[in-house]
Protein backbone atom coordinates (compact mmCIF):
# COMPACT_ATOMS: atom_id res chain seq x y z
CA MET A 1 -42.56 -14.48 17.52
CA PRO A 2 -45.04 -13.10 20.13
CA GLN A 3 -43.98 -10.47 22.64
CA LEU A 4 -43.39 -11.43 26.27
CA TRP A 5 -45.65 -8.59 27.38
CA GLN A 6 -48.74 -9.63 25.41
CA GLY A 7 -51.91 -9.66 27.52
CA ARG A 8 -52.34 -6.01 28.47
CA SER A 9 -53.20 -4.71 25.00
CA SER A 10 -56.45 -5.40 23.21
CA LYS A 11 -55.05 -5.14 19.68
CA ALA A 12 -51.90 -6.08 17.84
CA VAL A 13 -49.06 -3.62 17.66
CA ASP A 14 -48.46 -2.07 14.25
CA SER A 15 -45.68 -3.92 12.44
CA ARG A 16 -43.81 -0.65 11.97
CA VAL A 17 -43.77 -0.14 15.74
CA ASN A 18 -42.50 -3.69 16.21
CA ASP A 19 -39.65 -3.03 13.80
CA PHE A 20 -38.87 0.28 15.48
CA ASN A 21 -39.00 -1.25 18.94
CA SER A 22 -36.96 -4.36 18.15
CA SER A 23 -33.38 -4.60 19.39
CA ILE A 24 -32.54 -8.15 18.26
CA ARG A 25 -30.29 -6.95 15.44
CA PHE A 26 -27.77 -5.55 17.92
CA ASP A 27 -28.45 -7.21 21.29
CA ALA A 28 -28.17 -10.71 19.77
CA ARG A 29 -24.45 -10.50 20.41
CA MET A 30 -25.22 -10.80 24.15
CA ILE A 31 -26.94 -14.17 23.81
CA GLU A 32 -24.24 -16.16 25.59
CA GLN A 33 -24.29 -13.68 28.46
CA ASP A 34 -28.09 -13.89 28.57
CA ILE A 35 -27.87 -17.67 28.87
CA GLN A 36 -25.16 -17.39 31.52
CA GLY A 37 -27.31 -15.06 33.62
CA SER A 38 -30.36 -17.29 33.17
CA MET A 39 -28.41 -20.34 34.33
CA VAL A 40 -27.38 -18.63 37.55
CA HIS A 41 -30.80 -17.06 38.12
CA SER A 42 -32.60 -20.39 37.73
CA GLU A 43 -30.07 -22.12 39.97
CA MET A 44 -30.77 -19.52 42.66
CA LEU A 45 -34.53 -19.95 42.23
CA GLY A 46 -34.11 -23.67 42.87
CA ARG A 47 -31.87 -23.17 45.89
CA GLN A 48 -34.45 -20.83 47.38
CA GLY A 49 -37.30 -23.25 46.75
CA ILE A 50 -39.03 -20.83 44.39
CA ILE A 51 -39.03 -23.38 41.57
CA SER A 52 -38.51 -27.14 41.75
CA ALA A 53 -35.22 -28.95 41.28
CA GLN A 54 -36.78 -30.67 38.27
CA ASP A 55 -37.57 -27.28 36.73
CA VAL A 56 -33.98 -26.18 37.28
CA GLU A 57 -32.66 -29.35 35.66
CA GLN A 58 -34.90 -28.93 32.62
CA ILE A 59 -34.06 -25.22 32.30
CA HIS A 60 -30.33 -25.89 32.46
CA ALA A 61 -30.55 -28.72 29.94
CA GLY A 62 -32.60 -26.56 27.61
CA LEU A 63 -30.29 -23.55 27.89
CA ALA A 64 -27.24 -25.78 27.34
CA SER A 65 -28.82 -27.23 24.21
CA ILE A 66 -29.60 -23.74 22.89
CA LEU A 67 -26.01 -22.65 23.46
CA LYS A 68 -24.65 -25.80 21.81
CA ASP A 69 -26.90 -25.40 18.77
CA LEU A 70 -26.02 -21.71 18.43
CA ARG A 71 -22.31 -22.51 18.43
CA SER A 72 -22.68 -25.34 15.94
CA GLY A 73 -24.95 -23.36 13.65
CA ALA A 74 -27.87 -25.72 14.10
CA LEU A 75 -29.89 -22.85 15.60
CA GLU A 76 -30.13 -19.38 14.15
CA ILE A 77 -31.39 -16.32 15.99
CA ASP A 78 -34.83 -15.31 14.75
CA PRO A 79 -34.58 -11.73 13.40
CA ALA A 80 -38.32 -11.33 14.07
CA ALA A 81 -37.81 -11.70 17.82
CA GLU A 82 -38.24 -8.51 19.82
CA ASP A 83 -34.95 -8.91 21.65
CA VAL A 84 -32.42 -11.53 22.67
CA HIS A 85 -34.21 -12.19 25.98
CA THR A 86 -37.47 -12.99 24.18
CA PHE A 87 -35.70 -15.29 21.75
CA VAL A 88 -33.93 -17.27 24.47
CA GLU A 89 -36.99 -17.64 26.71
CA GLN A 90 -39.36 -18.63 23.94
CA THR A 91 -36.87 -21.05 22.38
CA LEU A 92 -36.35 -22.57 25.80
CA THR A 93 -40.08 -22.91 26.40
CA ALA A 94 -40.50 -24.59 23.03
CA ARG A 95 -37.90 -27.16 24.07
CA VAL A 96 -38.72 -27.84 27.72
CA GLY A 97 -42.32 -26.72 28.14
CA ASP A 98 -43.67 -25.12 31.32
CA ALA A 99 -40.30 -25.17 33.06
CA GLY A 100 -39.13 -22.58 30.53
CA LYS A 101 -42.02 -20.32 31.50
CA ARG A 102 -40.81 -20.36 35.10
CA LEU A 103 -37.35 -19.00 34.25
CA HIS A 104 -38.48 -15.40 34.40
CA THR A 105 -39.81 -15.72 37.95
CA GLY A 106 -38.53 -12.85 40.10
CA ARG A 107 -36.83 -11.17 37.15
CA SER A 108 -37.61 -8.35 34.71
CA ARG A 109 -36.08 -7.62 31.34
CA ASN A 110 -34.88 -4.39 32.98
CA ASP A 111 -32.50 -6.11 35.39
CA GLN A 112 -31.83 -8.84 32.82
CA VAL A 113 -30.48 -6.45 30.19
CA ALA A 114 -28.60 -4.46 32.83
CA LEU A 115 -26.85 -7.71 33.72
CA ASP A 116 -26.26 -8.92 30.17
CA ILE A 117 -24.59 -5.74 29.02
CA ARG A 118 -22.27 -5.78 32.04
CA LEU A 119 -21.28 -9.38 31.39
CA TYR A 120 -20.69 -8.63 27.72
CA LEU A 121 -18.63 -5.50 28.39
CA ARG A 122 -16.55 -7.33 30.99
CA GLN A 123 -15.49 -9.78 28.29
CA ALA A 124 -15.05 -7.03 25.71
CA SER A 125 -12.92 -4.98 28.08
CA ALA A 126 -10.69 -7.98 28.78
CA GLY A 127 -10.16 -8.39 25.03
CA LEU A 128 -9.34 -4.71 24.54
CA GLN A 129 -6.92 -4.78 27.45
CA GLN A 130 -5.07 -7.71 25.90
CA GLN A 131 -4.88 -5.91 22.57
CA LEU A 132 -3.51 -2.83 24.34
CA ARG A 133 -0.86 -4.92 26.06
CA GLU A 134 0.24 -6.26 22.68
CA LEU A 135 0.44 -2.75 21.23
CA ILE A 136 2.41 -1.45 24.21
CA GLY A 137 4.75 -4.43 23.90
CA THR A 138 5.30 -3.64 20.23
CA LEU A 139 6.11 -0.01 21.04
CA CYS A 140 8.60 -1.20 23.65
CA CYS A 141 10.35 -3.40 21.08
CA GLN A 142 10.63 -0.56 18.56
CA ALA A 143 11.71 1.88 21.28
CA GLU A 144 14.41 -0.51 22.46
CA GLN A 145 15.75 -0.72 18.92
CA GLY A 146 15.58 3.05 18.45
CA ALA A 147 16.88 4.08 21.88
CA GLY A 148 19.96 5.65 20.28
CA TYR A 149 18.42 7.08 17.10
CA VAL A 150 18.69 10.87 17.48
CA MET A 151 15.77 12.80 16.03
CA PRO A 152 14.29 16.26 16.45
CA GLY A 153 11.83 16.72 19.25
CA TYR A 154 9.09 19.18 18.35
CA THR A 155 6.99 21.85 19.98
CA HIS A 156 4.46 23.80 17.86
CA LEU A 157 5.54 21.32 15.13
CA GLN A 158 8.86 23.20 15.05
CA ARG A 159 12.15 21.45 15.69
CA ALA A 160 12.91 22.14 19.32
CA GLN A 161 15.40 19.89 21.13
CA PRO A 162 17.13 16.59 20.39
CA VAL A 163 15.42 13.43 21.55
CA THR A 164 15.55 9.85 20.34
CA PHE A 165 13.11 7.78 18.34
CA GLY A 166 12.82 5.42 21.30
CA HIS A 167 12.03 8.27 23.66
CA GLN A 168 9.25 9.50 21.39
CA LEU A 169 7.71 6.04 21.07
CA MET A 170 7.82 5.45 24.82
CA ALA A 171 5.75 8.61 25.34
CA TYR A 172 2.94 6.73 23.58
CA ALA A 173 3.63 3.55 25.53
CA TRP A 174 3.05 5.48 28.77
CA MET A 175 -0.16 7.01 27.38
CA LEU A 176 -1.50 3.59 26.40
CA LEU A 177 -0.50 2.17 29.76
CA ARG A 178 -2.80 4.76 31.35
CA ASP A 179 -5.53 3.72 28.92
CA LEU A 180 -5.06 0.15 30.08
CA GLY A 181 -5.50 1.33 33.66
CA ARG A 182 -8.62 3.30 32.79
CA LEU A 183 -10.26 0.28 31.18
CA ARG A 184 -9.28 -1.89 34.12
CA ASP A 185 -10.59 0.62 36.68
CA ALA A 186 -13.87 1.19 34.83
CA THR A 187 -14.41 -2.56 34.56
CA ALA A 188 -13.71 -3.02 38.27
CA ARG A 189 -16.34 -0.41 39.13
CA MET A 190 -18.81 -2.10 36.77
CA ASP A 191 -18.11 -5.44 38.47
CA ALA A 192 -18.64 -4.00 41.94
CA GLU A 193 -22.44 -4.29 41.77
CA CYS A 194 -24.79 -6.83 40.21
CA PRO A 195 -28.22 -5.56 39.07
CA LEU A 196 -29.86 -8.99 38.85
CA GLY A 197 -32.73 -9.19 41.31
CA SER A 198 -33.63 -5.51 41.01
CA GLY A 199 -36.68 -6.54 38.99
CA ALA A 200 -38.38 -3.86 36.94
CA LEU A 201 -37.31 -1.24 39.49
CA ALA A 202 -38.69 -2.18 42.93
CA GLY A 203 -37.28 -5.64 43.57
CA THR A 204 -39.61 -8.59 44.05
CA THR A 205 -41.71 -10.37 46.67
CA TYR A 206 -39.83 -13.62 46.05
CA PRO A 207 -37.07 -14.51 48.55
CA LEU A 208 -34.18 -14.10 46.11
CA ASP A 209 -30.60 -14.63 47.22
CA ARG A 210 -29.00 -11.74 45.40
CA PHE A 211 -25.66 -12.25 47.09
CA TYR A 212 -25.49 -15.75 45.64
CA THR A 213 -26.21 -14.63 42.08
CA ALA A 214 -23.79 -11.71 42.38
CA ALA A 215 -20.98 -13.99 43.54
CA GLU A 216 -21.70 -16.66 40.93
CA LEU A 217 -21.63 -14.07 38.16
CA GLY A 218 -18.33 -12.53 39.30
CA PHE A 219 -19.61 -9.38 41.00
CA ASP A 220 -18.50 -8.09 44.38
CA ALA A 221 -22.06 -7.62 45.67
CA PRO A 222 -25.62 -6.91 44.52
CA CYS A 223 -26.38 -3.27 43.79
CA GLY A 224 -27.57 -1.48 46.88
CA ASN A 225 -30.60 0.20 45.31
CA SER A 226 -32.95 -1.57 42.92
CA ILE A 227 -33.89 1.63 41.07
CA ASP A 228 -30.24 2.46 40.49
CA GLY A 229 -29.63 -1.15 39.48
CA VAL A 230 -31.85 -0.95 36.41
CA SER A 231 -31.32 2.71 35.49
CA ASP A 232 -27.53 2.93 35.81
CA ARG A 233 -25.51 3.19 32.61
CA ASP A 234 -22.52 4.96 34.15
CA PHE A 235 -20.42 1.92 33.34
CA CYS A 236 -21.21 2.25 29.62
CA ILE A 237 -20.28 5.93 29.72
CA GLU A 238 -17.10 5.35 31.70
CA LEU A 239 -15.90 2.50 29.50
CA THR A 240 -16.68 4.45 26.34
CA GLY A 241 -14.91 7.45 27.82
CA ALA A 242 -11.84 5.29 28.39
CA MET A 243 -12.11 4.00 24.82
CA ALA A 244 -12.47 7.55 23.46
CA THR A 245 -9.33 8.62 25.34
CA CYS A 246 -7.47 5.61 23.96
CA MET A 247 -8.64 6.49 20.44
CA MET A 248 -7.36 10.03 20.98
CA HIS A 249 -3.92 8.61 21.80
CA LEU A 250 -4.03 6.30 18.77
CA SER A 251 -5.01 9.28 16.62
CA ARG A 252 -2.07 11.35 17.87
CA LEU A 253 0.28 8.46 17.20
CA SER A 254 -1.29 8.01 13.77
CA GLU A 255 -0.70 11.68 12.97
CA GLU A 256 3.00 11.24 13.83
CA ILE A 257 3.23 8.15 11.63
CA ILE A 258 1.56 10.01 8.75
CA LEU A 259 4.11 12.82 9.08
CA TRP A 260 7.10 10.55 9.62
CA CYS A 261 6.48 8.44 6.50
CA SER A 262 5.94 11.47 4.25
CA TRP A 263 8.75 12.59 1.93
CA GLU A 264 8.99 15.82 3.93
CA PHE A 265 10.12 13.83 7.00
CA LYS A 266 10.95 10.29 5.85
CA PHE A 267 11.83 9.12 9.37
CA ILE A 268 10.20 5.72 8.83
CA GLU A 269 9.13 3.37 6.07
CA LEU A 270 5.88 1.46 6.45
CA ASP A 271 5.68 -2.11 5.23
CA ASP A 272 3.88 -2.50 1.91
CA ALA A 273 1.36 -4.81 3.59
CA PHE A 274 0.06 -1.86 5.62
CA THR A 275 -0.12 0.83 2.93
CA THR A 276 -2.18 1.37 -0.20
CA GLY A 277 -1.51 2.97 -3.56
CA SER A 278 -3.16 5.49 -5.83
CA SER A 279 -5.36 4.66 -8.79
CA ILE A 280 -3.63 7.35 -10.87
CA MET A 281 -0.30 8.21 -9.23
CA PRO A 282 2.04 5.19 -9.34
CA GLN A 283 4.58 6.71 -6.94
CA LYS A 284 2.12 6.93 -4.04
CA LYS A 285 2.35 4.81 -0.87
CA ASN A 286 -0.48 5.93 1.38
CA PRO A 287 -0.70 5.39 5.17
CA ASP A 288 -4.40 4.55 5.01
CA VAL A 289 -4.39 2.59 8.28
CA THR A 290 -3.36 5.60 10.31
CA GLU A 291 -5.64 7.95 8.40
CA LEU A 292 -8.61 5.69 9.09
CA ILE A 293 -7.72 5.52 12.78
CA ARG A 294 -7.58 9.30 12.83
CA GLY A 295 -11.03 9.43 11.24
CA LYS A 296 -12.57 6.69 13.37
CA THR A 297 -11.58 8.56 16.52
CA GLY A 298 -14.41 11.00 15.87
CA ARG A 299 -16.77 8.06 15.56
CA VAL A 300 -15.96 6.86 19.08
CA TYR A 301 -16.31 10.42 20.37
CA GLY A 302 -19.79 10.34 18.82
CA ASP A 303 -20.59 7.10 20.65
CA LEU A 304 -19.63 8.73 23.94
CA ASN A 305 -21.71 11.79 23.16
CA THR A 306 -24.68 9.57 22.27
CA LEU A 307 -24.54 7.93 25.69
CA LEU A 308 -24.18 11.20 27.58
CA VAL A 309 -27.02 12.89 25.73
CA MET A 310 -29.21 9.78 26.00
CA MET A 311 -28.89 9.71 29.78
CA LYS A 312 -28.87 13.40 30.64
CA GLY A 313 -32.61 14.01 30.86
CA ILE A 314 -34.41 10.73 31.50
CA PRO A 315 -36.17 10.20 34.84
CA LEU A 316 -35.83 7.09 36.98
CA ALA A 317 -36.02 4.23 36.46
CA TYR A 318 -35.81 2.46 33.09
CA ASP A 319 -36.85 4.32 29.92
CA LYS A 320 -36.81 3.00 26.37
CA ASP A 321 -34.24 5.67 25.47
CA MET A 322 -31.73 3.42 27.21
CA GLN A 323 -32.03 0.84 24.45
CA GLU A 324 -29.71 3.15 22.52
CA ASP A 325 -26.87 2.33 24.94
CA LYS A 326 -25.92 -0.91 23.25
CA GLU A 327 -25.40 0.30 19.69
CA ALA A 328 -23.18 3.13 20.94
CA VAL A 329 -21.01 1.16 23.34
CA PHE A 330 -20.81 -1.86 21.00
CA ASP A 331 -19.67 0.40 18.17
CA ALA A 332 -16.98 1.91 20.40
CA VAL A 333 -15.75 -1.57 21.34
CA ASP A 334 -15.73 -2.76 17.73
CA THR A 335 -13.99 0.37 16.44
CA LEU A 336 -11.25 0.42 19.07
CA SER A 337 -10.67 -3.30 18.69
CA LEU A 338 -10.35 -3.00 14.90
CA CYS A 339 -7.90 -0.10 15.23
CA LEU A 340 -5.74 -1.96 17.75
CA LYS A 341 -5.83 -5.09 15.62
CA THR A 342 -4.45 -3.16 12.65
CA ILE A 343 -2.03 -0.64 14.13
CA THR A 344 -0.06 -3.19 16.18
CA PRO A 345 1.33 -5.25 13.26
CA MET A 346 1.79 -2.04 11.25
CA LEU A 347 4.09 -0.65 13.95
CA ALA A 348 5.82 -4.00 14.41
CA THR A 349 6.81 -4.07 10.73
CA MET A 350 7.72 -0.39 10.21
CA THR A 351 11.37 0.40 9.47
CA PRO A 352 13.00 3.41 11.18
CA LEU A 353 15.37 5.52 9.04
CA PRO A 354 17.83 6.87 11.64
CA ASP A 355 20.12 8.62 9.15
CA ASN A 356 17.23 10.80 7.99
CA MET A 357 16.28 11.54 11.58
CA ARG A 358 19.84 12.59 12.34
CA ARG A 359 20.06 14.87 9.31
CA ALA A 360 16.79 16.57 10.26
CA ALA A 361 18.08 17.06 13.79
CA ALA A 362 21.31 18.67 12.55
CA LYS A 363 19.48 21.15 10.33
CA GLY A 364 17.03 22.26 12.98
CA PHE A 365 19.43 24.04 15.39
CA ILE A 366 17.95 21.87 18.14
CA ASN A 367 21.26 22.06 19.97
CA ALA A 368 20.90 25.83 20.42
CA THR A 369 19.72 25.40 24.02
CA ASP A 370 22.81 23.30 24.71
CA CYS A 371 24.97 26.04 23.23
CA ALA A 372 23.33 28.58 25.53
CA ASP A 373 23.76 26.22 28.50
CA TYR A 374 27.46 25.92 27.60
CA LEU A 375 27.90 29.68 27.92
CA THR A 376 25.89 29.76 31.14
CA LYS A 377 28.12 27.10 32.68
CA LYS A 378 31.11 29.25 31.69
CA GLY A 379 29.67 32.13 33.74
CA MET A 380 27.51 34.11 31.32
CA PRO A 381 23.97 34.93 32.64
CA PHE A 382 21.43 32.70 30.92
CA ARG A 383 19.49 35.56 29.30
CA ASP A 384 22.70 36.91 27.79
CA ALA A 385 23.67 33.41 26.67
CA TYR A 386 20.20 32.98 25.14
CA LYS A 387 20.54 36.25 23.19
CA CYS A 388 24.07 35.43 22.05
CA THR A 389 23.06 31.99 20.79
CA GLY A 390 19.97 33.38 19.06
CA THR A 391 22.20 35.86 17.19
CA MET A 392 24.46 33.01 16.13
CA VAL A 393 21.53 30.93 14.88
CA GLY A 394 20.26 33.85 12.83
CA ALA A 395 23.68 34.31 11.24
CA CYS A 396 23.95 30.57 10.52
CA ILE A 397 20.56 30.54 8.81
CA ALA A 398 21.60 33.50 6.64
CA ALA A 399 24.86 31.75 5.72
CA GLY A 400 23.29 28.31 5.21
CA LYS A 401 25.34 26.75 8.01
CA THR A 402 24.68 24.74 11.15
CA LEU A 403 26.20 25.51 14.55
CA GLU A 404 28.48 22.49 14.24
CA GLU A 405 29.95 23.94 11.03
CA LEU A 406 31.16 27.16 12.65
CA THR A 407 34.90 27.46 13.19
CA LEU A 408 36.27 28.11 16.66
CA GLU A 409 37.28 31.58 15.46
CA GLU A 410 33.69 32.25 14.42
CA PHE A 411 32.43 31.04 17.80
CA ARG A 412 34.88 33.34 19.60
CA SER A 413 33.72 36.29 17.53
CA TYR A 414 30.48 36.03 19.54
CA SER A 415 32.08 35.33 22.94
CA PRO A 416 35.59 34.65 24.23
CA LEU A 417 34.07 31.99 26.51
CA PHE A 418 33.91 29.54 23.62
CA ASP A 419 36.66 26.93 23.52
CA GLU A 420 37.35 23.63 21.75
CA ASP A 421 34.92 21.82 24.04
CA ILE A 422 31.99 23.62 22.42
CA TYR A 423 31.93 20.99 19.69
CA GLU A 424 31.46 18.27 22.26
CA ALA A 425 28.75 20.30 24.02
CA ILE A 426 26.65 20.69 20.87
CA ASP A 427 27.16 17.19 19.49
CA LEU A 428 23.60 15.88 18.99
CA THR A 429 24.20 12.52 20.62
CA ARG A 430 25.89 14.17 23.57
CA CYS A 431 23.04 16.65 23.78
CA CYS A 432 20.67 13.74 24.28
CA GLU A 433 22.96 11.85 26.60
CA GLY A 434 23.56 14.96 28.67
CA ARG A 435 19.90 15.23 29.60
CA THR A 436 20.15 12.81 32.47
CA SER A 437 17.10 13.95 34.44
CA TYR A 438 14.64 11.16 35.21
CA GLY A 439 12.39 10.31 32.25
CA GLY A 440 14.69 12.04 29.76
CA PRO A 441 15.93 10.97 26.31
CA THR A 442 19.21 9.25 27.18
CA LYS A 443 19.62 5.73 25.90
CA ALA A 444 19.81 4.43 29.44
CA SER A 445 16.62 6.30 30.34
CA VAL A 446 14.73 4.90 27.35
CA LEU A 447 15.85 1.37 28.14
CA ARG A 448 14.83 1.87 31.78
CA GLN A 449 11.41 3.08 30.61
CA VAL A 450 11.07 -0.01 28.42
CA ALA A 451 11.93 -2.23 31.38
CA ASP A 452 9.53 -0.37 33.68
CA VAL A 453 6.64 -0.60 31.23
CA ARG A 454 7.28 -4.29 30.58
CA GLN A 455 7.29 -4.89 34.32
CA LYS A 456 3.96 -3.09 34.68
CA LEU A 457 2.52 -5.23 31.90
CA LYS A 458 3.68 -8.39 33.68
CA GLU A 459 2.16 -7.20 36.95
CA ASN A 460 -1.15 -6.63 35.22
CA GLY A 461 -1.37 -9.97 33.51
CA GLY A 462 0.11 -9.04 30.16
CA GLN A 463 2.88 -10.49 28.06
CA ALA A 464 6.13 -8.57 28.11
CA HIS A 465 7.43 -8.55 24.53
CA GLU A 466 11.18 -9.02 24.52
């Protein structure tokens, strides 16, 4: 298939350069967006009297037939085409003749690709946002079920204070809700300006109505500077940054799942459908889904780094370096989408093991702070109460006991302030329920968080899983 730019050169381009230069293998996925943009552009050309109404009619009929044949499989994209824009225009010209040659009037591939990638990423972002809503809804369901399951909360991966399984899961729901907002905000900024009509970099002498095309394509306005219109890839970087942050959150959650389903923790059991086995060790049940998510996070970080490095040193306006934008951002989209598609049903089918969580909480002296608070409320200075409780914990560890197993006489050997109500004060469930500050681990707080997050999902167009 000949290049659109043939005419300037006096000899054919080396086939190796053509292969190196070609982008059809990855920009073909934007073909529907390319056709959408061409429909609107040609409509505007007709409205402005730049091409005839008959040309517009033939162009639209030809583009519609290309789209129909692509969807039915009657037409396949030519892998020898330089890019998706070349394929569409030359296929159109083959079908409708000279009218197809007029489609590119007042347009460059520079503003064309800048438009196509925005239209594609708008759709991709909408899909990712819906997948995130489903994952957040799944976390809410599991958190609601586990709102009363006491488990150790950790700092430095050491048992620290009592929380609940629901409280821990809702921490991730809030993180992912922010990711949803980041994707939405980045997409809104991308949709604020339409590059179509910027031409190669300096606009055009044709009387284009850029406000019409911007509105028809769902943008707030045309971009205010034609050079910026074709050279801007901030939206790719920002969206990939949002995806990288989301992957970081998925990786942290995956690390928890990997720990929780190990024999050392055994807080949860993953469904067999979302685990694999070992080729040699029959007892193994491996959390491969979460391990792959943890590994693929670095891949999306690499996509973000590719975009940043690609853009950091190129002068205005368009440079061929920018062709690398699509493979990076498309890979980030595909990777995040695949991870969301897999982790959501895995979490929906996992089984919490609350008895194991409770036993781990009891053995971790995570009620030591509550014991110190008990003494403080009885009048002992907190630092003295802290030291007293620390001494008790040390003695319990040496004796193989927990605080709950101490007799009242043993408690009083450390301080006469201890009374029968100490057992109520250090009860693990009461320790959780006593932390009534906003956002804390009480059952009521977790259920309120679930309700708040579901409400936010409803407000932002998502389904609230009940």
